[in-house]
C-alpha atoms as a PDB file:
ATOM      1  CA  MET A   1       0.000   0.000   0.000  1.00  0.00           C
ATOM      2  CA  ARG A   2       2.854   2.400   0.849  1.00  0.00           C
ATOM      3  CA  ARG A   3       4.454   1.694  -2.532  1.00  0.00           C
ATOM      4  CA  LEU A   4       1.140   2.344  -4.299  1.00  0.00           C
ATOM      5  CA  ALA A   5       0.636   5.598  -2.412  1.00  0.00           C
ATOM      6  CA  LEU A   6       4.176   6.732  -3.260  1.00  0.00           C
ATOM      7  CA  ALA A   7       3.613   5.848  -6.924  1.00  0.00           C
ATOM      8  CA  LEU A   8       0.401   7.900  -7.005  1.00  0.00           C
ATOM      9  CA  ILE A   9       2.130  10.877  -5.372  1.00  0.00           C
ATOM     10  CA  LEU A  10       4.944  10.635  -7.910  1.00  0.00           C
ATOM     11  CA  MET A  11       2.482  10.503 -10.821  1.00  0.00           C
ATOM     12  CA  LEU A  12       0.571  13.538  -9.535  1.00  0.00           C
ATOM     13  CA  SER A  13       3.807  15.432  -8.989  1.00  0.00           C
ATOM     14  CA  THR A  14       5.004  14.660 -12.518  1.00  0.00           C
ATOM     15  CA  ALA A  15       1.650  15.735 -14.008  1.00  0.00           C
ATOM     16  CA  THR A  16       1.735  18.989 -12.027  1.00  0.00           C
ATOM     17  CA  GLN A  17       5.272  19.743 -13.178  1.00  0.00           C
ATOM     18  CA  ALA A  18       4.249  19.079 -16.781  1.00  0.00           C
ATOM     19  CA  GLN A  19       1.328  21.480 -16.409  1.00  0.00           C
ATOM     20  CA  ASP A  20       3.581  24.087 -14.816  1.00  0.00           C
ATOM     21  CA  SER A  21       6.029  23.833 -17.721  1.00  0.00           C
ATOM     22  CA  LEU A  22       3.321  24.781 -20.215  1.00  0.00           C
ATOM     23  CA  ARG A  23       1.992  28.214 -21.060  1.00  0.00           C
ATOM     24  CA  PHE A  24      -1.624  28.565 -22.130  1.00  0.00           C
ATOM     25  CA  SER A  25      -3.025  31.502 -24.078  1.00  0.00           C
ATOM     26  CA  THR A  26      -6.472  32.037 -25.570  1.00  0.00           C
ATOM     27  CA  PHE A  27      -7.276  33.682 -28.887  1.00  0.00           C
ATOM     28  CA  THR A  28     -10.780  34.548 -30.068  1.00  0.00           C
ATOM     29  CA  ALA A  29     -11.759  35.204 -33.680  1.00  0.00           C
ATOM     30  CA  ALA A  30     -15.245  36.040 -34.942  1.00  0.00           C
ATOM     31  CA  TRP A  31     -16.769  36.270 -38.388  1.00  0.00           C
ATOM     32  CA  TRP A  32     -19.921  38.224 -39.223  1.00  0.00           C
ATOM     33  CA  ASN A  33     -21.492  39.254 -42.510  1.00  0.00           C
ATOM     34  CA  VAL A  34     -23.091  42.482 -41.284  1.00  0.00           C
ATOM     35  CA  GLU A  35     -25.413  42.947 -44.290  1.00  0.00           C
ATOM     36  CA  ASN A  36     -24.798  46.155 -46.202  1.00  0.00           C
ATOM     37  CA  LEU A  37     -22.857  48.334 -43.779  1.00  0.00           C
ATOM     38  CA  PHE A  38     -22.988  51.395 -46.047  1.00  0.00           C
ATOM     39  CA  ASP A  39     -22.488  55.048 -45.285  1.00  0.00           C
ATOM     40  CA  THR A  40     -25.260  57.442 -46.384  1.00  0.00           C
ATOM     41  CA  ARG A  41     -23.402  59.119 -49.248  1.00  0.00           C
ATOM     42  CA  ASP A  42     -23.572  58.222 -52.925  1.00  0.00           C
ATOM     43  CA  ASP A  43     -20.282  56.930 -54.306  1.00  0.00           C
ATOM     44  CA  PRO A  44     -20.368  57.608 -58.072  1.00  0.00           C
ATOM     45  CA  LYS A  45     -17.945  54.719 -58.681  1.00  0.00           C
ATOM     46  CA  THR A  46     -20.231  52.013 -57.201  1.00  0.00           C
ATOM     47  CA  ASN A  47     -23.868  50.919 -57.235  1.00  0.00           C
ATOM     48  CA  ASP A  48     -24.751  52.191 -53.778  1.00  0.00           C
ATOM     49  CA  ASP A  49     -27.488  54.675 -54.732  1.00  0.00           C
ATOM     50  CA  GLU A  50     -30.182  52.840 -52.774  1.00  0.00           C
ATOM     51  CA  PHE A  51     -28.226  53.395 -49.530  1.00  0.00           C
ATOM     52  CA  THR A  52     -28.780  57.151 -49.349  1.00  0.00           C
ATOM     53  CA  PRO A  53     -31.554  59.158 -47.657  1.00  0.00           C
ATOM     54  CA  GLU A  54     -33.211  59.642 -51.059  1.00  0.00           C
ATOM     55  CA  GLY A  55     -32.606  56.073 -52.254  1.00  0.00           C
ATOM     56  CA  GLU A  56     -34.874  53.051 -52.206  1.00  0.00           C
ATOM     57  CA  LYS A  57     -33.705  52.007 -48.724  1.00  0.00           C
ATOM     58  CA  HIS A  58     -34.073  55.560 -47.288  1.00  0.00           C
ATOM     59  CA  TRP A  59     -30.747  55.021 -45.554  1.00  0.00           C
ATOM     60  CA  THR A  60     -30.315  57.821 -42.996  1.00  0.00           C
ATOM     61  CA  ARG A  61     -27.656  58.737 -40.473  1.00  0.00           C
ATOM     62  CA  ARG A  62     -29.941  57.606 -37.644  1.00  0.00           C
ATOM     63  CA  ARG A  63     -30.412  54.172 -39.200  1.00  0.00           C
ATOM     64  CA  LEU A  64     -26.663  53.831 -39.795  1.00  0.00           C
ATOM     65  CA  THR A  65     -25.962  54.790 -36.166  1.00  0.00           C
ATOM     66  CA  ASN A  66     -28.522  52.257 -34.921  1.00  0.00           C
ATOM     67  CA  LYS A  67     -26.852  49.526 -36.980  1.00  0.00           C
ATOM     68  CA  ILE A  68     -23.342  50.403 -35.796  1.00  0.00           C
ATOM     69  CA  ASN A  69     -24.498  50.502 -32.168  1.00  0.00           C
ATOM     70  CA  GLY A  70     -26.144  47.109 -32.648  1.00  0.00           C
ATOM     71  CA  ILE A  71     -22.875  45.642 -33.935  1.00  0.00           C
ATOM     72  CA  TYR A  72     -20.925  47.165 -31.036  1.00  0.00           C
ATOM     73  CA  LYS A  73     -23.352  45.870 -28.400  1.00  0.00           C
ATOM     74  CA  THR A  74     -23.305  42.369 -29.905  1.00  0.00           C
ATOM     75  CA  LEU A  75     -19.489  42.283 -29.847  1.00  0.00           C
ATOM     76  CA  LEU A  76     -19.618  43.424 -26.220  1.00  0.00           C
ATOM     77  CA  MET A  77     -21.934  40.497 -25.417  1.00  0.00           C
ATOM     78  CA  MET A  78     -19.389  38.247 -27.175  1.00  0.00           C
ATOM     79  CA  ASP A  79     -16.742  39.445 -24.662  1.00  0.00           C
ATOM     80  CA  LEU A  80     -14.989  41.609 -27.289  1.00  0.00           C
ATOM     81  CA  PRO A  81     -13.200  39.088 -29.538  1.00  0.00           C
ATOM     82  CA  ASP A  82      -9.517  39.640 -30.287  1.00  0.00           C
ATOM     83  CA  VAL A  83     -10.264  39.864 -34.026  1.00  0.00           C
ATOM     84  CA  VAL A  84     -13.510  40.164 -35.960  1.00  0.00           C
ATOM     85  CA  GLY A  85     -13.819  39.561 -39.689  1.00  0.00           C
ATOM     86  CA  LEU A  86     -16.652  41.559 -41.235  1.00  0.00           C
ATOM     87  CA  GLY A  87     -18.412  41.059 -44.563  1.00  0.00           C
ATOM     88  CA  GLU A  88     -20.375  43.608 -46.627  1.00  0.00           C
ATOM     89  CA  VAL A  89     -18.522  46.691 -45.372  1.00  0.00           C
ATOM     90  CA  GLU A  90     -18.466  49.686 -47.718  1.00  0.00           C
ATOM     91  CA  ASN A  91     -15.469  51.724 -46.613  1.00  0.00           C
ATOM     92  CA  LYS A  92     -13.157  53.048 -43.912  1.00  0.00           C
ATOM     93  CA  PHE A  93     -15.704  55.656 -42.818  1.00  0.00           C
ATOM     94  CA  VAL A  94     -18.125  53.087 -41.365  1.00  0.00           C
ATOM     95  CA  LEU A  95     -15.201  51.208 -39.769  1.00  0.00           C
ATOM     96  CA  ARG A  96     -13.997  54.413 -38.078  1.00  0.00           C
ATOM     97  CA  GLU A  97     -17.515  55.020 -36.817  1.00  0.00           C
ATOM     98  CA  LEU A  98     -17.575  51.498 -35.366  1.00  0.00           C
ATOM     99  CA  CYS A  99     -14.059  51.429 -33.886  1.00  0.00           C
ATOM    100  CA  GLN A 100     -13.711  55.055 -32.777  1.00  0.00           C
ATOM    101  CA  GLY A 101     -17.276  56.320 -32.472  1.00  0.00           C
ATOM    102  CA  THR A 102     -18.458  53.659 -30.030  1.00  0.00           C
ATOM    103  CA  PRO A 103     -17.062  52.297 -26.740  1.00  0.00           C
ATOM    104  CA  LEU A 104     -15.062  49.798 -28.818  1.00  0.00           C
ATOM    105  CA  ALA A 105     -12.417  52.535 -28.797  1.00  0.00           C
ATOM    106  CA  LYS A 106     -11.821  51.759 -25.110  1.00  0.00           C
ATOM    107  CA  ALA A 107     -10.945  48.182 -26.100  1.00  0.00           C
ATOM    108  CA  HIS A 108      -8.313  49.534 -28.545  1.00  0.00           C
ATOM    109  CA  TYR A 109     -10.031  48.288 -31.700  1.00  0.00           C
ATOM    110  CA  ARG A 110      -8.386  49.185 -35.009  1.00  0.00           C
ATOM    111  CA  TYR A 111      -9.252  48.116 -38.550  1.00  0.00           C
ATOM    112  CA  VAL A 112      -7.781  46.782 -41.800  1.00  0.00           C
ATOM    113  CA  HIS A 113      -9.617  47.498 -45.038  1.00  0.00           C
ATOM    114  CA  TYR A 114      -8.935  47.710 -48.770  1.00  0.00           C
ATOM    115  CA  ASP A 115     -11.391  48.698 -51.494  1.00  0.00           C
ATOM    116  CA  SER A 116     -12.171  45.794 -53.807  1.00  0.00           C
ATOM    117  CA  PRO A 117     -13.612  45.851 -57.349  1.00  0.00           C
ATOM    118  CA  ASP A 118     -17.042  44.648 -56.244  1.00  0.00           C
ATOM    119  CA  ARG A 119     -19.602  46.633 -58.255  1.00  0.00           C
ATOM    120  CA  ARG A 120     -21.686  47.440 -55.172  1.00  0.00           C
ATOM    121  CA  GLY A 121     -18.596  48.604 -53.291  1.00  0.00           C
ATOM    122  CA  ILE A 122     -18.767  46.074 -50.456  1.00  0.00           C
ATOM    123  CA  ASP A 123     -15.622  44.466 -49.057  1.00  0.00           C
ATOM    124  CA  CYS A 124     -14.273  42.283 -46.289  1.00  0.00           C
ATOM    125  CA  ALA A 125     -12.618  44.033 -43.349  1.00  0.00           C
ATOM    126  CA  LEU A 126     -10.924  43.139 -40.087  1.00  0.00           C
ATOM    127  CA  ILE A 127     -11.297  44.914 -36.785  1.00  0.00           C
ATOM    128  CA  TYR A 128      -8.925  43.865 -34.023  1.00  0.00           C
ATOM    129  CA  ARG A 129      -7.912  44.693 -30.461  1.00  0.00           C
ATOM    130  CA  SER A 130      -4.515  46.271 -30.934  1.00  0.00           C
ATOM    131  CA  ASP A 131      -3.529  45.442 -27.344  1.00  0.00           C
ATOM    132  CA  ARG A 132      -4.139  41.732 -28.003  1.00  0.00           C
ATOM    133  CA  PHE A 133      -3.212  41.324 -31.672  1.00  0.00           C
ATOM    134  CA  ARG A 134      -0.466  43.089 -33.629  1.00  0.00           C
ATOM    135  CA  VAL A 135      -0.842  43.217 -37.402  1.00  0.00           C
ATOM    136  CA  THR A 136       2.504  42.565 -39.097  1.00  0.00           C
ATOM    137  CA  ALA A 137       1.291  42.433 -42.722  1.00  0.00           C
ATOM    138  CA  SER A 138      -1.928  42.747 -44.705  1.00  0.00           C
ATOM    139  CA  ARG A 139      -2.972  42.710 -48.339  1.00  0.00           C
ATOM    140  CA  PRO A 140      -5.974  42.201 -50.587  1.00  0.00           C
ATOM    141  CA  PHE A 141      -5.786  39.161 -52.856  1.00  0.00           C
ATOM    142  CA  SER A 142      -7.810  39.596 -56.035  1.00  0.00           C
ATOM    143  CA  VAL A 143     -10.036  36.760 -57.230  1.00  0.00           C
ATOM    144  CA  SER A 144     -11.756  38.828 -59.938  1.00  0.00           C
ATOM    145  CA  ASP A 145     -11.366  38.224 -63.685  1.00  0.00           C
ATOM    146  CA  SER A 146     -11.453  41.518 -65.565  1.00  0.00           C
ATOM    147  CA  ALA A 147     -11.052  39.774 -68.937  1.00  0.00           C
ATOM    148  CA  ALA A 148     -14.300  37.903 -68.308  1.00  0.00           C
ATOM    149  CA  GLY A 149     -16.009  40.933 -66.776  1.00  0.00           C
ATOM    150  CA  PHE A 150     -16.237  39.169 -63.411  1.00  0.00           C
ATOM    151  CA  TYR A 151     -15.677  41.347 -60.353  1.00  0.00           C
ATOM    152  CA  THR A 152     -16.048  40.252 -56.753  1.00  0.00           C
ATOM    153  CA  ARG A 153     -14.730  40.851 -53.261  1.00  0.00           C
ATOM    154  CA  ASP A 154     -11.000  40.375 -52.690  1.00  0.00           C
ATOM    155  CA  ILE A 155      -9.750  37.914 -50.097  1.00  0.00           C
ATOM    156  CA  LEU A 156      -8.337  39.964 -47.222  1.00  0.00           C
ATOM    157  CA  VAL A 157      -5.097  38.404 -45.944  1.00  0.00           C
ATOM    158  CA  VAL A 158      -3.804  39.515 -42.540  1.00  0.00           C
ATOM    159  CA  GLU A 159      -0.739  38.229 -40.691  1.00  0.00           C
ATOM    160  CA  GLY A 160      -0.135  39.027 -37.046  1.00  0.00           C
ATOM    161  CA  VAL A 161       1.045  38.073 -33.585  1.00  0.00           C
ATOM    162  CA  THR A 162      -1.029  37.670 -30.431  1.00  0.00           C
ATOM    163  CA  ALA A 163      -0.152  39.307 -27.108  1.00  0.00           C
ATOM    164  CA  ALA A 164       1.312  35.957 -26.032  1.00  0.00           C
ATOM    165  CA  GLY A 165       3.637  35.904 -29.050  1.00  0.00           C
ATOM    166  CA  ASP A 166       1.785  33.307 -31.141  1.00  0.00           C
ATOM    167  CA  SER A 167       1.472  33.767 -34.910  1.00  0.00           C
ATOM    168  CA  VAL A 168      -1.990  33.931 -36.458  1.00  0.00           C
ATOM    169  CA  CYS A 169      -2.832  34.360 -40.149  1.00  0.00           C
ATOM    170  CA  LEU A 170      -6.337  35.274 -41.285  1.00  0.00           C
ATOM    171  CA  LEU A 171      -8.051  35.008 -44.671  1.00  0.00           C
ATOM    172  CA  LEU A 172     -11.404  36.803 -44.832  1.00  0.00           C
ATOM    173  CA  ASN A 173     -13.794  35.790 -47.578  1.00  0.00           C
ATOM    174  CA  HIS A 174     -17.058  36.723 -49.234  1.00  0.00           C
ATOM    175  CA  TRP A 175     -17.509  34.400 -52.200  1.00  0.00           C
ATOM    176  CA  PRO A 176     -19.928  35.153 -55.086  1.00  0.00           C
ATOM    177  CA  SER A 177     -23.621  34.524 -54.526  1.00  0.00           C
ATOM    178  CA  LYS A 178     -25.626  31.876 -56.372  1.00  0.00           C
ATOM    179  CA  ARG A 179     -27.391  34.388 -58.608  1.00  0.00           C
ATOM    180  CA  GLY A 180     -24.988  33.551 -61.453  1.00  0.00           C
ATOM    181  CA  GLY A 181     -25.908  29.860 -61.543  1.00  0.00           C
ATOM    182  CA  ASP A 182     -23.272  27.484 -62.946  1.00  0.00           C
ATOM    183  CA  GLU A 183     -20.904  30.349 -63.757  1.00  0.00           C
ATOM    184  CA  ALA A 184     -20.984  31.608 -60.167  1.00  0.00           C
ATOM    185  CA  GLU A 185     -20.434  28.039 -58.902  1.00  0.00           C
ATOM    186  CA  ALA A 186     -17.355  27.752 -61.107  1.00  0.00           C
ATOM    187  CA  HIS A 187     -16.018  31.000 -59.667  1.00  0.00           C
ATOM    188  CA  ARG A 188     -16.626  29.771 -56.111  1.00  0.00           C
ATOM    189  CA  LEU A 189     -14.775  26.562 -56.899  1.00  0.00           C
ATOM    190  CA  ASP A 190     -11.780  28.501 -58.251  1.00  0.00           C
ATOM    191  CA  ILE A 191     -11.780  30.810 -55.225  1.00  0.00           C
ATOM    192  CA  ALA A 192     -11.878  27.820 -52.851  1.00  0.00           C
ATOM    193  CA  ARG A 193      -8.788  26.389 -54.532  1.00  0.00           C
ATOM    194  CA  THR A 194      -7.098  29.784 -54.144  1.00  0.00           C
ATOM    195  CA  VAL A 195      -7.973  29.914 -50.432  1.00  0.00           C
ATOM    196  CA  ARG A 196      -6.571  26.427 -49.922  1.00  0.00           C
ATOM    197  CA  SER A 197      -3.339  27.380 -51.711  1.00  0.00           C
ATOM    198  CA  LEU A 198      -2.989  30.598 -49.692  1.00  0.00           C
ATOM    199  CA  MET A 199      -3.509  28.732 -46.420  1.00  0.00           C
ATOM    200  CA  LEU A 200      -0.729  26.303 -47.295  1.00  0.00           C
ATOM    201  CA  GLU A 201       1.599  29.140 -48.338  1.00  0.00           C
ATOM    202  CA  LEU A 202       1.009  30.982 -45.071  1.00  0.00           C
ATOM    203  CA  LYS A 203       1.584  27.808 -43.054  1.00  0.00           C
ATOM    204  CA  GLU A 204       4.889  27.271 -44.837  1.00  0.00           C
ATOM    205  CA  LYS A 205       5.866  30.880 -44.110  1.00  0.00           C
ATOM    206  CA  HIS A 206       4.743  30.674 -40.451  1.00  0.00           C
ATOM    207  CA  PRO A 207       5.099  26.988 -39.421  1.00  0.00           C
ATOM    208  CA  SER A 208       3.776  27.467 -35.883  1.00  0.00           C
ATOM    209  CA  ALA A 209       0.894  29.758 -36.881  1.00  0.00           C
ATOM    210  CA  ALA A 210      -2.819  29.146 -36.684  1.00  0.00           C
ATOM    211  CA  VAL A 211      -4.034  29.847 -40.234  1.00  0.00           C
ATOM    212  CA  ILE A 212      -7.745  30.684 -40.161  1.00  0.00           C
ATOM    213  CA  ALA A 213      -9.909  31.169 -43.251  1.00  0.00           C
ATOM    214  CA  MET A 214     -13.400  32.372 -42.466  1.00  0.00           C
ATOM    215  CA  GLY A 215     -16.194  34.098 -44.279  1.00  0.00           C
ATOM    216  CA  ASP A 216     -19.450  33.956 -46.161  1.00  0.00           C
ATOM    217  CA  MET A 217     -18.747  31.231 -48.717  1.00  0.00           C
ATOM    218  CA  ASN A 218     -22.290  31.218 -50.149  1.00  0.00           C
ATOM    219  CA  SER A 219     -21.877  27.425 -50.129  1.00  0.00           C
ATOM    220  CA  THR A 220     -22.493  24.740 -47.535  1.00  0.00           C
ATOM    221  CA  ALA A 221     -19.890  22.136 -46.556  1.00  0.00           C
ATOM    222  CA  ASP A 222     -21.355  19.473 -48.859  1.00  0.00           C
ATOM    223  CA  GLU A 223     -21.420  21.644 -51.986  1.00  0.00           C
ATOM    224  CA  GLU A 224     -18.706  21.320 -54.605  1.00  0.00           C
ATOM    225  CA  ALA A 225     -16.972  24.658 -53.989  1.00  0.00           C
ATOM    226  CA  VAL A 226     -16.191  23.836 -50.364  1.00  0.00           C
ATOM    227  CA  ASP A 227     -16.049  20.053 -50.474  1.00  0.00           C
ATOM    228  CA  THR A 228     -13.940  19.687 -53.638  1.00  0.00           C
ATOM    229  CA  GLY A 229     -12.301  23.100 -53.859  1.00  0.00           C
ATOM    230  CA  MET A 230     -10.969  23.000 -50.303  1.00  0.00           C
ATOM    231  CA  GLY A 231      -9.976  19.349 -50.688  1.00  0.00           C
ATOM    232  CA  PHE A 232     -12.311  17.810 -48.100  1.00  0.00           C
ATOM    233  CA  ASN A 233     -13.890  15.280 -50.484  1.00  0.00           C
ATOM    234  CA  GLY A 234     -16.559  14.180 -48.050  1.00  0.00           C
ATOM    235  CA  ASP A 235     -14.408  14.441 -44.931  1.00  0.00           C
ATOM    236  CA  SER A 236     -13.994  17.181 -42.329  1.00  0.00           C
ATOM    237  CA  VAL A 237     -10.207  17.281 -42.797  1.00  0.00           C
ATOM    238  CA  SER A 238      -8.357  17.692 -46.099  1.00  0.00           C
ATOM    239  CA  SER A 239      -5.255  15.710 -47.039  1.00  0.00           C
ATOM    240  CA  ASP A 240      -3.287  18.903 -46.227  1.00  0.00           C
ATOM    241  CA  GLY A 241      -4.610  18.999 -42.662  1.00  0.00           C
ATOM    242  CA  ILE A 242      -7.133  21.820 -43.186  1.00  0.00           C
ATOM    243  CA  ARG A 243     -10.144  21.324 -40.922  1.00  0.00           C
ATOM    244  CA  ASN A 244     -13.677  22.525 -41.574  1.00  0.00           C
ATOM    245  CA  LEU A 245     -14.652  23.487 -38.032  1.00  0.00           C
ATOM    246  CA  THR A 246     -18.166  24.462 -39.123  1.00  0.00           C
ATOM    247  CA  LEU A 247     -19.157  20.790 -39.131  1.00  0.00           C
ATOM    248  CA  ARG A 248     -18.989  20.907 -35.318  1.00  0.00           C
ATOM    249  CA  LEU A 249     -21.949  23.299 -35.134  1.00  0.00           C
ATOM    250  CA  PRO A 250     -25.528  22.145 -34.343  1.00  0.00           C
ATOM    251  CA  GLY A 251     -27.265  20.822 -37.443  1.00  0.00           C
ATOM    252  CA  ASP A 252     -30.694  22.201 -36.571  1.00  0.00           C
ATOM    253  CA  TRP A 253     -29.436  25.787 -36.950  1.00  0.00           C
ATOM    254  CA  GLY A 254     -27.350  27.753 -39.425  1.00  0.00           C
ATOM    255  CA  SER A 255     -25.733  31.122 -39.966  1.00  0.00           C
ATOM    256  CA  HIS A 256     -28.321  32.117 -42.597  1.00  0.00           C
ATOM    257  CA  LYS A 257     -31.894  31.162 -43.366  1.00  0.00           C
ATOM    258  CA  TYR A 258     -33.202  30.868 -46.907  1.00  0.00           C
ATOM    259  CA  GLN A 259     -36.752  29.830 -47.809  1.00  0.00           C
ATOM    260  CA  GLY A 260     -37.306  28.571 -44.273  1.00  0.00           C
ATOM    261  CA  GLU A 261     -34.143  26.437 -44.158  1.00  0.00           C
ATOM    262  CA  TRP A 262     -31.146  27.126 -41.915  1.00  0.00           C
ATOM    263  CA  ARG A 263     -27.766  26.682 -43.640  1.00  0.00           C
ATOM    264  CA  TYR A 264     -24.132  27.250 -42.689  1.00  0.00           C
ATOM    265  CA  ILE A 265     -22.942  29.289 -45.649  1.00  0.00           C
ATOM    266  CA  ASP A 266     -20.637  31.139 -43.231  1.00  0.00           C
ATOM    267  CA  GLN A 267     -17.770  28.813 -42.412  1.00  0.00           C
ATOM    268  CA  VAL A 268     -14.432  28.572 -40.592  1.00  0.00           C
ATOM    269  CA  PHE A 269     -11.425  26.567 -41.811  1.00  0.00           C
ATOM    270  CA  LEU A 270      -8.306  25.985 -39.698  1.00  0.00           C
ATOM    271  CA  LEU A 271      -4.783  24.836 -40.510  1.00  0.00           C
ATOM    272  CA  ALA A 272      -2.662  24.529 -37.374  1.00  0.00           C
ATOM    273  CA  ASP A 273      -0.258  22.172 -35.649  1.00  0.00           C
ATOM    274  CA  GLY A 274      -0.761  20.369 -32.344  1.00  0.00           C
ATOM    275  CA  HIS A 275       0.002  23.257 -29.993  1.00  0.00           C
ATOM    276  CA  TRP A 276      -3.212  24.956 -31.140  1.00  0.00           C
ATOM    277  CA  LEU A 277      -6.325  23.464 -29.565  1.00  0.00           C
ATOM    278  CA  VAL A 278      -9.866  24.288 -30.655  1.00  0.00           C
ATOM    279  CA  LYS A 279     -11.609  25.188 -27.428  1.00  0.00           C
ATOM    280  CA  LYS A 280     -14.935  26.048 -29.051  1.00  0.00           C
ATOM    281  CA  LEU A 281     -16.694  27.256 -32.192  1.00  0.00           C
ATOM    282  CA  ARG A 282     -20.144  28.558 -31.547  1.00  0.00           C
ATOM    283  CA  LEU A 283     -22.999  30.100 -33.450  1.00  0.00           C
ATOM    284  CA  VAL A 284     -23.993  33.388 -31.822  1.00  0.00           C
ATOM    285  CA  LYS A 285     -27.789  33.575 -31.643  1.00  0.00           C
ATOM    286  CA  TYR A 286     -28.722  36.232 -29.098  1.00  0.00           C
ATOM    287  CA  ASP A 287     -32.408  37.150 -28.921  1.00  0.00           C
ATOM    288  CA  HIS A 288     -31.929  40.606 -30.419  1.00  0.00           C
ATOM    289  CA  LEU A 289     -30.391  39.067 -33.559  1.00  0.00           C
ATOM    290  CA  LEU A 290     -33.548  37.027 -34.259  1.00  0.00           C
ATOM    291  CA  THR A 291     -37.179  37.604 -35.087  1.00  0.00           C
ATOM    292  CA  GLU A 292     -40.169  35.281 -35.347  1.00  0.00           C
ATOM    293  CA  GLU A 293     -40.768  33.934 -38.809  1.00  0.00           C
ATOM    294  CA  LYS A 294     -44.428  34.383 -39.637  1.00  0.00           C
ATOM    295  CA  GLY A 295     -46.274  31.228 -40.553  1.00  0.00           C
ATOM    296  CA  THR A 296     -43.801  28.981 -38.747  1.00  0.00           C
ATOM    297  CA  LEU A 297     -42.854  28.157 -35.184  1.00  0.00           C
ATOM    298  CA  GLY A 298     -39.256  29.198 -35.747  1.00  0.00           C
ATOM    299  CA  PHE A 299     -37.039  32.233 -35.987  1.00  0.00           C
ATOM    300  CA  ARG A 300     -34.855  33.885 -38.603  1.00  0.00           C
ATOM    301  CA  PRO A 301     -32.159  36.563 -38.411  1.00  0.00           C
ATOM    302  CA  LYS A 302     -33.606  40.046 -37.979  1.00  0.00           C
ATOM    303  CA  ARG A 303     -32.427  41.924 -41.057  1.00  0.00           C
ATOM    304  CA  THR A 304     -31.712  45.610 -41.489  1.00  0.00           C
ATOM    305  CA  HIS A 305     -33.877  45.622 -44.616  1.00  0.00           C
ATOM    306  CA  ARG A 306     -36.232  43.053 -46.045  1.00  0.00           C
ATOM    307  CA  GLY A 307     -36.502  44.186 -49.629  1.00  0.00           C
ATOM    308  CA  PRO A 308     -37.078  47.943 -49.540  1.00  0.00           C
ATOM    309  CA  ARG A 309     -38.745  47.755 -46.101  1.00  0.00           C
ATOM    310  CA  TYR A 310     -36.669  48.777 -43.077  1.00  0.00           C
ATOM    311  CA  GLU A 311     -36.825  45.980 -40.480  1.00  0.00           C
ATOM    312  CA  GLY A 312     -34.412  47.553 -37.993  1.00  0.00           C
ATOM    313  CA  GLY A 313     -32.228  44.526 -37.297  1.00  0.00           C
ATOM    314  CA  ILE A 314     -28.476  44.182 -37.728  1.00  0.00           C
ATOM    315  CA  SER A 315     -27.967  41.441 -40.302  1.00  0.00           C
ATOM    316  CA  ASP A 316     -29.458  38.526 -42.212  1.00  0.00           C
ATOM    317  CA  HIS A 317     -26.503  36.429 -41.003  1.00  0.00           C
ATOM    318  CA  LEU A 318     -25.577  35.234 -37.512  1.00  0.00           C
ATOM    319  CA  PRO A 319     -21.981  35.547 -36.255  1.00  0.00           C
ATOM    320  CA  LEU A 320     -19.560  32.691 -35.622  1.00  0.00           C
ATOM    321  CA  LEU A 321     -17.115  32.842 -32.705  1.00  0.00           C
ATOM    322  CA  LEU A 322     -13.980  30.687 -32.560  1.00  0.00           C
ATOM    323  CA  THR A 323     -11.919  30.223 -29.397  1.00  0.00           C
ATOM    324  CA  LEU A 324      -8.434  28.722 -29.745  1.00  0.00           C
ATOM    325  CA  ARG A 325      -5.960  27.839 -27.037  1.00  0.00           C
ATOM    326  CA  ALA A 326      -2.239  27.847 -27.707  1.00  0.00           C
ATOM    327  CA  THR A 327      -0.132  25.538 -25.585  1.00  0.00           C
ATOM    328  CA  THR A 328       3.617  26.143 -25.582  1.00  0.00           C
ATOM    329  CA  GLY A 329       6.546  25.392 -23.281  1.00  0.00           C
ATOM    330  CA  LYS A 330       8.012  28.123 -21.111  1.00  0.00           C
END
């Protein structure tokens, strides 16, 4: 019995020492398509006329302020993620209003944004807590084809370092919608292959980094663009080690609802080695983001506009929130 007790004490001591020799740090990354975050001015270079006070949407300063405050309050309820990828953002003006014109300024939020060739003038952007994430490089990566007259949102690529010294690379996406039929599907497939290639390049450049691709893919995990283009081929992990974390989310919900059906067209892909642990990926579905769907017993996202009618919500998409834990030796 004494030998057994001594063996147990030794095992516990060894386990404690192993724990003490490790450093744990947490990193949170969110994605949210915020549905037409436009300013109220007409940009003659883009098709944004409807988002003016005189336009079809009657888009006023008060309505813009309400939307920005709704985004800020939601991020506050999400415990202020370290980084937030945003889709459907028009320009730096609305990002300044969000990061500097709300209490997010107290959390040291900054932004990264580049204008893309999208005809409506909407882009992907990143806002980040500059005290918890330092941007070391950023660039837009074009996936448009001017020769074919195809213009879409650039992939926003951001490289950085967390406050704990861990490398993180982000690829923010908003793939073409399904309005273009087979042609749009072909473009999504090509873009998926580009995302996969970029993830592998970034992992080679930063071997210990967590490489995260997230965005509105306008495709579900089982559709060709994601399944074949990203190399999953019916699995949740590609042959390159890229994981589709979205498959962990509850199947009775989704990030977007179309014709009464929830779907995860917003997705998160991760390429990382063993010292990065996925603590959680969750769908954010606070009450104020939802409204009852008439004629059913369910809910749908509460949109800012439903057609020309102002509904007063924040977005037709729900956010995703990823929590990673980095484990490294002292």
